[in-house]
Amino acid sequence: MKALTRRGRRNPKRPWTTPIPAISSPTCTGCGTRRMRPAPRGKRKSPDSPVASFGTSVLRGLRRTVGSGVISGLGAWYIRLVARTTRWTVVGGAGWQALTAQPAGFVCVTWHGRLFMAPSFAPRGKRTVAMISNSSDGDLVAGIVAAFGVAALRGSSHDHAKHRSKGGVAAFRAVARQLRDNGALVGITPDGPRGPRMRAQEGAARLALMQGAPVVAVGFSVRWGWNLPSWDRFLLPLPFGSGAIVYSTPRYPPDEDGPQAVERFRLALEDDLNAVTNQADDLCGRARVLPAAVGSR
């Protein structure tokens, strides 16, 4: 017997309409609403400002339109323009020159936000390799450094044991071979490619300890330039101004190993990098950039 409504009308049975979650889609069947899922760990949105996000979108559009090679060429040209038209104050250059004159390899570290002028520091007559991330932005950087005679080894400078999908293990081994067998200068950004800003990951410290190689921290700054509103507060210098390049005293790894030794050396490199970066900013009358909070991304 069919159910009756309050007015006595027969009301046919309706199909079951409770929303049932779809198995292969984030949309619920029956209700048409979208379930909120947390973004995968490696694909979360960056905390960059809308200005930085707009700049990233413009860069991607240019890359699709004219190609990475053209953008890399323009980037290399601009770096040379800044390098040649800036009045540089150099601090600690004697230790740097002594290391580059030796046949043995060593490690050079700089923060990701001060990466722009790094290719121009590459010494002539010394094989130089740089560890660059396996990303579309890394493609641009690899093209730029190649114009300065720097070979790119693609992979992450973070803990090499945790980033197998980005070729971190293979890149780490390749860098170790270059350092050991070819006496290369190895360039690493310890807080790249994702941050947190000015917080060193353990890749550079582990590499130096394994190979017994000294590490030099390099910081640069300029009086005229912009700190972009990106996670690393990237410094984009302007030409025809003044600037400073500060080299740390070479830091030699201790004759010990183990996780505690890596952590102590990592902290020492982080302090060296912050010291030379702050000194360069002070020489140029530029406000210091503060490191990100410990544990932030």
C-alpha atoms as a PDB file:
ATOM      1  CA  MET A   1       0.000   0.000   0.000  1.00  0.00           C
ATOM      2  CA  LYS A   2       1.400   3.323  -1.026  1.00  0.00           C
ATOM      3  CA  ALA A   3       2.023   6.003   1.565  1.00  0.00           C
ATOM      4  CA  LEU A   4      -0.420   8.935   1.759  1.00  0.00           C
ATOM      5  CA  THR A   5       0.477  12.589   2.194  1.00  0.00           C
ATOM      6  CA  ARG A   6      -1.281  14.835   4.711  1.00  0.00           C
ATOM      7  CA  ARG A   7      -3.799  15.850   2.032  1.00  0.00           C
ATOM      8  CA  GLY A   8      -4.518  12.243   1.203  1.00  0.00           C
ATOM      9  CA  ARG A   9      -2.584  12.175  -2.027  1.00  0.00           C
ATOM     10  CA  ARG A  10      -0.566   9.177  -2.946  1.00  0.00           C
ATOM     11  CA  ASN A  11       3.151   9.930  -2.928  1.00  0.00           C
ATOM     12  CA  PRO A  12       5.260   7.500  -4.992  1.00  0.00           C
ATOM     13  CA  LYS A  13       8.374   6.161  -3.374  1.00  0.00           C
ATOM     14  CA  ARG A  14      11.484   8.155  -4.157  1.00  0.00           C
ATOM     15  CA  PRO A  15      14.846   6.611  -4.794  1.00  0.00           C
ATOM     16  CA  TRP A  16      17.465   6.707  -2.051  1.00  0.00           C
ATOM     17  CA  THR A  17      19.248  10.077  -2.342  1.00  0.00           C
ATOM     18  CA  THR A  18      21.809  10.023   0.447  1.00  0.00           C
ATOM     19  CA  PRO A  19      25.093  11.305  -1.034  1.00  0.00           C
ATOM     20  CA  ILE A  20      27.556   8.502  -1.708  1.00  0.00           C
ATOM     21  CA  PRO A  21      31.216   9.435  -2.007  1.00  0.00           C
ATOM     22  CA  ALA A  22      32.689   8.641  -5.375  1.00  0.00           C
ATOM     23  CA  ILE A  23      35.629   6.270  -5.378  1.00  0.00           C
ATOM     24  CA  SER A  24      37.717   7.710  -8.175  1.00  0.00           C
ATOM     25  CA  SER A  25      36.664  11.361  -8.056  1.00  0.00           C
ATOM     26  CA  PRO A  26      36.811  14.101  -5.434  1.00  0.00           C
ATOM     27  CA  THR A  27      33.190  14.945  -6.231  1.00  0.00           C
ATOM     28  CA  CYS A  28      30.356  13.327  -4.229  1.00  0.00           C
ATOM     29  CA  THR A  29      27.661  11.651  -6.318  1.00  0.00           C
ATOM     30  CA  GLY A  30      24.113  12.614  -5.539  1.00  0.00           C
ATOM     31  CA  CYS A  31      24.935  16.049  -4.116  1.00  0.00           C
ATOM     32  CA  GLY A  32      27.365  17.513  -6.625  1.00  0.00           C
ATOM     33  CA  THR A  33      29.512  19.051  -3.909  1.00  0.00           C
ATOM     34  CA  ARG A  34      33.274  18.810  -3.909  1.00  0.00           C
ATOM     35  CA  ARG A  35      35.074  17.317  -0.959  1.00  0.00           C
ATOM     36  CA  MET A  36      38.067  19.278   0.263  1.00  0.00           C
ATOM     37  CA  ARG A  37      41.228  17.239   0.133  1.00  0.00           C
ATOM     38  CA  PRO A  38      44.572  18.433   1.454  1.00  0.00           C
ATOM     39  CA  ALA A  39      47.082  19.082  -1.274  1.00  0.00           C
ATOM     40  CA  PRO A  40      49.856  16.515  -1.595  1.00  0.00           C
ATOM     41  CA  ARG A  41      52.875  17.448   0.476  1.00  0.00           C
ATOM     42  CA  GLY A  42      54.994  18.327  -2.510  1.00  0.00           C
ATOM     43  CA  LYS A  43      52.255  20.366  -4.249  1.00  0.00           C
ATOM     44  CA  ARG A  44      51.007  22.720  -1.566  1.00  0.00           C
ATOM     45  CA  LYS A  45      50.592  26.315  -2.521  1.00  0.00           C
ATOM     46  CA  SER A  46      53.550  28.554  -1.889  1.00  0.00           C
ATOM     47  CA  PRO A  47      53.231  31.246   0.775  1.00  0.00           C
ATOM     48  CA  ASP A  48      54.480  33.804  -1.741  1.00  0.00           C
ATOM     49  CA  SER A  49      52.571  37.049  -2.133  1.00  0.00           C
ATOM     50  CA  PRO A  50      50.185  37.726  -5.061  1.00  0.00           C
ATOM     51  CA  VAL A  51      52.931  39.827  -6.675  1.00  0.00           C
ATOM     52  CA  ALA A  52      55.334  36.874  -6.641  1.00  0.00           C
ATOM     53  CA  SER A  53      52.621  34.561  -7.956  1.00  0.00           C
ATOM     54  CA  PHE A  54      51.911  36.999 -10.793  1.00  0.00           C
ATOM     55  CA  GLY A  55      55.617  37.162 -11.621  1.00  0.00           C
ATOM     56  CA  THR A  56      55.791  33.378 -11.721  1.00  0.00           C
ATOM     57  CA  SER A  57      52.810  33.265 -14.088  1.00  0.00           C
ATOM     58  CA  VAL A  58      54.442  35.826 -16.383  1.00  0.00           C
ATOM     59  CA  LEU A  59      57.691  33.853 -16.409  1.00  0.00           C
ATOM     60  CA  ARG A  60      55.865  30.648 -17.310  1.00  0.00           C
ATOM     61  CA  GLY A  61      54.024  32.437 -20.096  1.00  0.00           C
ATOM     62  CA  LEU A  62      57.276  33.778 -21.527  1.00  0.00           C
ATOM     63  CA  ARG A  63      58.836  30.341 -21.301  1.00  0.00           C
ATOM     64  CA  ARG A  64      55.994  28.852 -23.336  1.00  0.00           C
ATOM     65  CA  THR A  65      56.136  31.687 -25.859  1.00  0.00           C
ATOM     66  CA  VAL A  66      59.834  32.220 -26.539  1.00  0.00           C
ATOM     67  CA  GLY A  67      61.413  29.151 -24.930  1.00  0.00           C
ATOM     68  CA  SER A  68      63.725  28.573 -21.994  1.00  0.00           C
ATOM     69  CA  GLY A  69      66.852  29.088 -24.107  1.00  0.00           C
ATOM     70  CA  VAL A  70      65.990  32.693 -24.960  1.00  0.00           C
ATOM     71  CA  ILE A  71      65.146  33.537 -21.339  1.00  0.00           C
ATOM     72  CA  SER A  72      68.365  31.921 -20.109  1.00  0.00           C
ATOM     73  CA  GLY A  73      70.359  33.928 -22.647  1.00  0.00           C
ATOM     74  CA  LEU A  74      68.752  37.174 -21.515  1.00  0.00           C
ATOM     75  CA  GLY A  75      69.411  36.252 -17.892  1.00  0.00           C
ATOM     76  CA  ALA A  76      73.103  35.610 -18.567  1.00  0.00           C
ATOM     77  CA  TRP A  77      73.380  38.910 -20.450  1.00  0.00           C
ATOM     78  CA  TYR A  78      71.831  40.821 -17.552  1.00  0.00           C
ATOM     79  CA  ILE A  79      74.131  39.172 -14.983  1.00  0.00           C
ATOM     80  CA  ARG A  80      77.162  40.240 -17.037  1.00  0.00           C
ATOM     81  CA  LEU A  81      75.761  43.768 -17.299  1.00  0.00           C
ATOM     82  CA  VAL A  82      75.376  44.036 -13.521  1.00  0.00           C
ATOM     83  CA  ALA A  83      78.774  42.436 -12.858  1.00  0.00           C
ATOM     84  CA  ARG A  84      80.617  44.849 -15.181  1.00  0.00           C
ATOM     85  CA  THR A  85      78.832  48.072 -14.230  1.00  0.00           C
ATOM     86  CA  THR A  86      78.779  47.634 -10.440  1.00  0.00           C
ATOM     87  CA  ARG A  87      81.535  48.966  -8.155  1.00  0.00           C
ATOM     88  CA  TRP A  88      82.252  45.923  -6.017  1.00  0.00           C
ATOM     89  CA  THR A  89      83.719  45.816  -2.528  1.00  0.00           C
ATOM     90  CA  VAL A  90      85.276  42.377  -1.966  1.00  0.00           C
ATOM     91  CA  VAL A  91      85.904  40.982   1.530  1.00  0.00           C
ATOM     92  CA  GLY A  92      87.813  37.760   2.175  1.00  0.00           C
ATOM     93  CA  GLY A  93      88.878  37.249  -1.410  1.00  0.00           C
ATOM     94  CA  ALA A  94      92.378  36.013  -0.522  1.00  0.00           C
ATOM     95  CA  GLY A  95      91.153  32.738   0.969  1.00  0.00           C
ATOM     96  CA  TRP A  96      88.865  32.180  -2.005  1.00  0.00           C
ATOM     97  CA  GLN A  97      91.665  32.718  -4.519  1.00  0.00           C
ATOM     98  CA  ALA A  98      93.981  30.387  -2.609  1.00  0.00           C
ATOM     99  CA  LEU A  99      91.436  27.567  -2.781  1.00  0.00           C
ATOM    100  CA  THR A 100      90.667  28.078  -6.464  1.00  0.00           C
ATOM    101  CA  ALA A 101      94.407  27.880  -7.241  1.00  0.00           C
ATOM    102  CA  GLN A 102      94.711  24.444  -5.619  1.00  0.00           C
ATOM    103  CA  PRO A 103      93.995  21.234  -7.543  1.00  0.00           C
ATOM    104  CA  ALA A 104      91.746  19.869  -4.781  1.00  0.00           C
ATOM    105  CA  GLY A 105      88.024  20.513  -4.900  1.00  0.00           C
ATOM    106  CA  PHE A 106      85.916  22.448  -2.425  1.00  0.00           C
ATOM    107  CA  VAL A 107      82.292  23.434  -1.801  1.00  0.00           C
ATOM    108  CA  CYS A 108      80.815  26.910  -2.235  1.00  0.00           C
ATOM    109  CA  VAL A 109      77.463  27.683  -0.586  1.00  0.00           C
ATOM    110  CA  THR A 110      75.165  30.676  -0.976  1.00  0.00           C
ATOM    111  CA  TRP A 111      71.558  31.283  -0.032  1.00  0.00           C
ATOM    112  CA  HIS A 112      68.892  30.804  -2.695  1.00  0.00           C
ATOM    113  CA  GLY A 113      67.829  34.441  -2.365  1.00  0.00           C
ATOM    114  CA  ARG A 114      71.361  35.587  -3.285  1.00  0.00           C
ATOM    115  CA  LEU A 115      71.802  33.196  -6.181  1.00  0.00           C
ATOM    116  CA  PHE A 116      71.514  35.741  -8.981  1.00  0.00           C
ATOM    117  CA  MET A 117      75.162  36.828  -9.206  1.00  0.00           C
ATOM    118  CA  ALA A 118      76.641  33.434  -8.273  1.00  0.00           C
ATOM    119  CA  PRO A 119      77.484  32.379 -11.879  1.00  0.00           C
ATOM    120  CA  SER A 120      79.728  35.425 -12.237  1.00  0.00           C
ATOM    121  CA  PHE A 121      81.821  34.227  -9.273  1.00  0.00           C
ATOM    122  CA  ALA A 122      82.944  31.089 -11.132  1.00  0.00           C
ATOM    123  CA  PRO A 123      86.767  31.178 -11.338  1.00  0.00           C
ATOM    124  CA  ARG A 124      88.518  30.693 -14.648  1.00  0.00           C
ATOM    125  CA  GLY A 125      90.620  27.571 -14.989  1.00  0.00           C
ATOM    126  CA  LYS A 126      88.753  25.714 -12.237  1.00  0.00           C
ATOM    127  CA  ARG A 127      86.112  23.150 -13.103  1.00  0.00           C
ATOM    128  CA  THR A 128      82.861  24.354 -11.560  1.00  0.00           C
ATOM    129  CA  VAL A 129      79.630  22.398 -11.168  1.00  0.00           C
ATOM    130  CA  ALA A 130      76.341  23.470  -9.624  1.00  0.00           C
ATOM    131  CA  MET A 131      73.629  21.344  -8.057  1.00  0.00           C
ATOM    132  CA  ILE A 132      70.354  22.531  -9.625  1.00  0.00           C
ATOM    133  CA  SER A 133      66.838  21.273  -8.960  1.00  0.00           C
ATOM    134  CA  ASN A 134      64.950  19.077 -11.423  1.00  0.00           C
ATOM    135  CA  SER A 135      62.221  21.607 -12.180  1.00  0.00           C
ATOM    136  CA  SER A 136      61.167  23.968 -14.953  1.00  0.00           C
ATOM    137  CA  ASP A 137      62.801  26.853 -13.094  1.00  0.00           C
ATOM    138  CA  GLY A 138      65.893  24.681 -12.759  1.00  0.00           C
ATOM    139  CA  ASP A 139      65.962  24.416 -16.554  1.00  0.00           C
ATOM    140  CA  LEU A 140      66.314  28.192 -16.774  1.00  0.00           C
ATOM    141  CA  VAL A 141      69.054  28.289 -14.138  1.00  0.00           C
ATOM    142  CA  ALA A 142      70.948  25.474 -15.869  1.00  0.00           C
ATOM    143  CA  GLY A 143      70.893  27.439 -19.110  1.00  0.00           C
ATOM    144  CA  ILE A 144      72.166  30.578 -17.393  1.00  0.00           C
ATOM    145  CA  VAL A 145      75.075  28.935 -15.560  1.00  0.00           C
ATOM    146  CA  ALA A 146      76.119  27.109 -18.740  1.00  0.00           C
ATOM    147  CA  ALA A 147      76.823  30.513 -20.303  1.00  0.00           C
ATOM    148  CA  PHE A 148      79.460  31.027 -17.578  1.00  0.00           C
ATOM    149  CA  GLY A 149      81.098  27.636 -18.098  1.00  0.00           C
ATOM    150  CA  VAL A 150      79.386  26.007 -15.107  1.00  0.00           C
ATOM    151  CA  ALA A 151      78.172  22.425 -15.510  1.00  0.00           C
ATOM    152  CA  ALA A 152      74.728  21.650 -14.067  1.00  0.00           C
ATOM    153  CA  LEU A 153      74.058  18.495 -12.063  1.00  0.00           C
ATOM    154  CA  ARG A 154      70.318  18.109 -11.655  1.00  0.00           C
ATOM    155  CA  GLY A 155      68.893  17.122  -8.290  1.00  0.00           C
ATOM    156  CA  SER A 156      67.910  18.429  -4.860  1.00  0.00           C
ATOM    157  CA  SER A 157      70.326  19.998  -2.386  1.00  0.00           C
ATOM    158  CA  HIS A 158      68.109  18.837   0.463  1.00  0.00           C
ATOM    159  CA  ASP A 159      68.657  15.591   2.324  1.00  0.00           C
ATOM    160  CA  HIS A 160      69.599  13.333  -0.579  1.00  0.00           C
ATOM    161  CA  ALA A 161      68.046  10.278   1.039  1.00  0.00           C
ATOM    162  CA  LYS A 162      64.551  11.800   0.979  1.00  0.00           C
ATOM    163  CA  HIS A 163      64.192  13.047  -2.585  1.00  0.00           C
ATOM    164  CA  ARG A 164      64.664  10.063  -4.840  1.00  0.00           C
ATOM    165  CA  SER A 165      61.904  11.220  -7.205  1.00  0.00           C
ATOM    166  CA  LYS A 166      63.887  14.342  -8.102  1.00  0.00           C
ATOM    167  CA  GLY A 167      67.111  12.484  -8.790  1.00  0.00           C
ATOM    168  CA  GLY A 168      68.650  13.572  -5.511  1.00  0.00           C
ATOM    169  CA  VAL A 169      70.633  10.370  -4.912  1.00  0.00           C
ATOM    170  CA  ALA A 170      72.130  10.278  -8.413  1.00  0.00           C
ATOM    171  CA  ALA A 171      72.995  13.985  -8.293  1.00  0.00           C
ATOM    172  CA  PHE A 172      74.594  13.639  -4.863  1.00  0.00           C
ATOM    173  CA  ARG A 173      76.809  10.795  -6.078  1.00  0.00           C
ATOM    174  CA  ALA A 174      77.734  12.699  -9.227  1.00  0.00           C
ATOM    175  CA  VAL A 175      78.709  15.762  -7.183  1.00  0.00           C
ATOM    176  CA  ALA A 176      80.807  13.608  -4.850  1.00  0.00           C
ATOM    177  CA  ARG A 177      82.667  12.162  -7.850  1.00  0.00           C
ATOM    178  CA  GLN A 178      83.323  15.629  -9.268  1.00  0.00           C
ATOM    179  CA  LEU A 179      84.656  16.785  -5.927  1.00  0.00           C
ATOM    180  CA  ARG A 180      86.817  13.718  -5.331  1.00  0.00           C
ATOM    181  CA  ASP A 181      88.064  12.793  -8.796  1.00  0.00           C
ATOM    182  CA  ASN A 182      88.075  16.074 -10.727  1.00  0.00           C
ATOM    183  CA  GLY A 183      88.929  18.608  -8.024  1.00  0.00           C
ATOM    184  CA  ALA A 184      85.830  20.611  -8.903  1.00  0.00           C
ATOM    185  CA  LEU A 185      84.329  23.620  -7.200  1.00  0.00           C
ATOM    186  CA  VAL A 186      80.815  22.517  -6.253  1.00  0.00           C
ATOM    187  CA  GLY A 187      78.139  25.200  -5.841  1.00  0.00           C
ATOM    188  CA  ILE A 188      75.135  24.467  -3.606  1.00  0.00           C
ATOM    189  CA  THR A 189      72.234  26.538  -2.251  1.00  0.00           C
ATOM    190  CA  PRO A 190      71.548  24.821   1.091  1.00  0.00           C
ATOM    191  CA  ASP A 191      68.051  26.287   1.464  1.00  0.00           C
ATOM    192  CA  GLY A 192      66.933  25.567  -2.099  1.00  0.00           C
ATOM    193  CA  PRO A 193      64.794  24.863  -3.930  1.00  0.00           C
ATOM    194  CA  ARG A 194      61.853  25.152  -1.505  1.00  0.00           C
ATOM    195  CA  GLY A 195      63.182  26.646   1.728  1.00  0.00           C
ATOM    196  CA  PRO A 196      62.721  27.473   4.501  1.00  0.00           C
ATOM    197  CA  ARG A 197      64.594  30.689   3.826  1.00  0.00           C
ATOM    198  CA  MET A 198      68.171  30.881   5.104  1.00  0.00           C
ATOM    199  CA  ARG A 199      67.911  27.551   6.929  1.00  0.00           C
ATOM    200  CA  ALA A 200      70.562  25.126   5.722  1.00  0.00           C
ATOM    201  CA  GLN A 201      69.601  21.564   4.874  1.00  0.00           C
ATOM    202  CA  GLU A 202      72.147  18.851   5.494  1.00  0.00           C
ATOM    203  CA  GLY A 203      73.193  18.067   1.901  1.00  0.00           C
ATOM    204  CA  ALA A 204      76.203  20.411   1.749  1.00  0.00           C
ATOM    205  CA  ALA A 205      77.396  19.465   5.240  1.00  0.00           C
ATOM    206  CA  ARG A 206      77.099  15.749   4.517  1.00  0.00           C
ATOM    207  CA  LEU A 207      78.961  16.100   1.213  1.00  0.00           C
ATOM    208  CA  ALA A 208      81.834  18.037   2.797  1.00  0.00           C
ATOM    209  CA  LEU A 209      82.162  15.554   5.665  1.00  0.00           C
ATOM    210  CA  MET A 210      82.147  12.545   3.331  1.00  0.00           C
ATOM    211  CA  GLN A 211      84.833  14.010   1.063  1.00  0.00           C
ATOM    212  CA  GLY A 212      86.827  15.980   3.640  1.00  0.00           C
ATOM    213  CA  ALA A 213      86.377  19.120   1.541  1.00  0.00           C
ATOM    214  CA  PRO A 214      86.453  22.703   2.850  1.00  0.00           C
ATOM    215  CA  VAL A 215      83.388  24.921   2.477  1.00  0.00           C
ATOM    216  CA  VAL A 216      83.312  28.640   1.658  1.00  0.00           C
ATOM    217  CA  ALA A 217      80.154  30.679   2.258  1.00  0.00           C
ATOM    218  CA  VAL A 218      79.543  33.559  -0.161  1.00  0.00           C
ATOM    219  CA  GLY A 219      77.159  36.464   0.311  1.00  0.00           C
ATOM    220  CA  PHE A 220      76.474  39.362  -2.024  1.00  0.00           C
ATOM    221  CA  SER A 221      74.386  42.492  -1.841  1.00  0.00           C
ATOM    222  CA  VAL A 222      73.834  45.709  -3.780  1.00  0.00           C
ATOM    223  CA  ARG A 223      72.774  49.221  -2.907  1.00  0.00           C
ATOM    224  CA  TRP A 224      70.298  49.360  -5.772  1.00  0.00           C
ATOM    225  CA  GLY A 225      68.016  46.400  -6.240  1.00  0.00           C
ATOM    226  CA  TRP A 226      64.734  44.764  -5.286  1.00  0.00           C
ATOM    227  CA  ASN A 227      63.983  42.055  -2.776  1.00  0.00           C
ATOM    228  CA  LEU A 228      61.200  40.172  -4.515  1.00  0.00           C
ATOM    229  CA  PRO A 229      58.204  39.078  -2.381  1.00  0.00           C
ATOM    230  CA  SER A 230      59.055  35.395  -2.827  1.00  0.00           C
ATOM    231  CA  TRP A 231      59.740  32.805  -0.127  1.00  0.00           C
ATOM    232  CA  ASP A 232      63.507  33.482  -0.339  1.00  0.00           C
ATOM    233  CA  ARG A 233      63.225  37.310  -0.689  1.00  0.00           C
ATOM    234  CA  PHE A 234      65.221  36.962  -3.892  1.00  0.00           C
ATOM    235  CA  LEU A 235      67.540  39.941  -4.472  1.00  0.00           C
ATOM    236  CA  LEU A 236      67.381  41.257  -8.040  1.00  0.00           C
ATOM    237  CA  PRO A 237      70.230  43.779  -8.485  1.00  0.00           C
ATOM    238  CA  LEU A 238      70.164  46.822 -10.722  1.00  0.00           C
ATOM    239  CA  PRO A 239      73.186  47.860 -12.818  1.00  0.00           C
ATOM    240  CA  PHE A 240      75.384  50.957 -12.461  1.00  0.00           C
ATOM    241  CA  GLY A 241      75.448  50.914  -8.663  1.00  0.00           C
ATOM    242  CA  SER A 242      77.651  49.612  -5.872  1.00  0.00           C
ATOM    243  CA  GLY A 243      77.750  46.172  -4.320  1.00  0.00           C
ATOM    244  CA  ALA A 244      79.610  43.876  -1.962  1.00  0.00           C
ATOM    245  CA  ILE A 245      80.833  40.288  -2.176  1.00  0.00           C
ATOM    246  CA  VAL A 246      81.854  38.662   1.103  1.00  0.00           C
ATOM    247  CA  TYR A 247      83.694  35.328   1.312  1.00  0.00           C
ATOM    248  CA  SER A 248      83.926  33.440   4.587  1.00  0.00           C
ATOM    249  CA  THR A 249      87.103  31.860   5.883  1.00  0.00           C
ATOM    250  CA  PRO A 250      87.215  28.294   4.504  1.00  0.00           C
ATOM    251  CA  ARG A 251      85.635  25.935   7.015  1.00  0.00           C
ATOM    252  CA  TYR A 252      87.195  22.482   7.112  1.00  0.00           C
ATOM    253  CA  PRO A 253      85.042  19.551   8.256  1.00  0.00           C
ATOM    254  CA  PRO A 254      86.014  17.809  11.504  1.00  0.00           C
ATOM    255  CA  ASP A 255      87.552  14.352  11.453  1.00  0.00           C
ATOM    256  CA  GLU A 256      84.381  12.622  12.636  1.00  0.00           C
ATOM    257  CA  ASP A 257      81.165  11.254  11.237  1.00  0.00           C
ATOM    258  CA  GLY A 258      77.650  10.342  12.284  1.00  0.00           C
ATOM    259  CA  PRO A 259      74.369  12.288  12.537  1.00  0.00           C
ATOM    260  CA  GLN A 260      75.598  14.547  15.344  1.00  0.00           C
ATOM    261  CA  ALA A 261      78.680  15.564  13.368  1.00  0.00           C
ATOM    262  CA  VAL A 262      76.515  16.355  10.323  1.00  0.00           C
ATOM    263  CA  GLU A 263      74.161  18.474  12.430  1.00  0.00           C
ATOM    264  CA  ARG A 264      76.960  20.451  14.078  1.00  0.00           C
ATOM    265  CA  PHE A 265      78.609  21.135  10.728  1.00  0.00           C
ATOM    266  CA  ARG A 266      75.258  22.062   9.172  1.00  0.00           C
ATOM    267  CA  LEU A 267      74.635  24.653  11.882  1.00  0.00           C
ATOM    268  CA  ALA A 268      78.153  26.043  11.435  1.00  0.00           C
ATOM    269  CA  LEU A 269      77.584  26.486   7.683  1.00  0.00           C
ATOM    270  CA  GLU A 270      74.234  28.150   8.357  1.00  0.00           C
ATOM    271  CA  ASP A 271      75.903  30.625  10.725  1.00  0.00           C
ATOM    272  CA  ASP A 272      78.664  31.327   8.179  1.00  0.00           C
ATOM    273  CA  LEU A 273      76.139  32.020   5.432  1.00  0.00           C
ATOM    274  CA  ASN A 274      74.032  34.335   7.562  1.00  0.00           C
ATOM    275  CA  ALA A 275      77.159  36.186   8.705  1.00  0.00           C
ATOM    276  CA  VAL A 276      78.507  36.888   5.189  1.00  0.00           C
ATOM    277  CA  THR A 277      75.043  37.800   3.875  1.00  0.00           C
ATOM    278  CA  ASN A 278      74.428  40.233   6.730  1.00  0.00           C
ATOM    279  CA  GLN A 279      77.887  41.759   6.299  1.00  0.00           C
ATOM    280  CA  ALA A 280      77.261  42.298   2.582  1.00  0.00           C
ATOM    281  CA  ASP A 281      73.920  43.972   3.321  1.00  0.00           C
ATOM    282  CA  ASP A 282      75.531  46.208   5.947  1.00  0.00           C
ATOM    283  CA  LEU A 283      78.265  47.301   3.527  1.00  0.00           C
ATOM    284  CA  CYS A 284      75.599  48.303   1.001  1.00  0.00           C
ATOM    285  CA  GLY A 285      73.320  50.022   3.515  1.00  0.00           C
ATOM    286  CA  ARG A 286      70.616  47.477   2.818  1.00  0.00           C
ATOM    287  CA  ALA A 287      68.140  46.142   5.367  1.00  0.00           C
ATOM    288  CA  ARG A 288      68.951  42.614   6.450  1.00  0.00           C
ATOM    289  CA  VAL A 289      66.680  39.736   5.476  1.00  0.00           C
ATOM    290  CA  LEU A 290      65.735  37.594   8.451  1.00  0.00           C
ATOM    291  CA  PRO A 291      65.816  33.786   8.280  1.00  0.00           C
ATOM    292  CA  ALA A 292      62.489  31.982   8.293  1.00  0.00           C
ATOM    293  CA  ALA A 293      61.217  30.632  11.585  1.00  0.00           C
ATOM    294  CA  VAL A 294      62.607  27.229  12.504  1.00  0.00           C
ATOM    295  CA  GLY A 295      60.317  24.499  11.217  1.00  0.00           C
ATOM    296  CA  SER A 296      58.506  26.726   8.684  1.00  0.00           C
ATOM    297  CA  ARG A 297      58.331  25.996   4.962  1.00  0.00           C
END
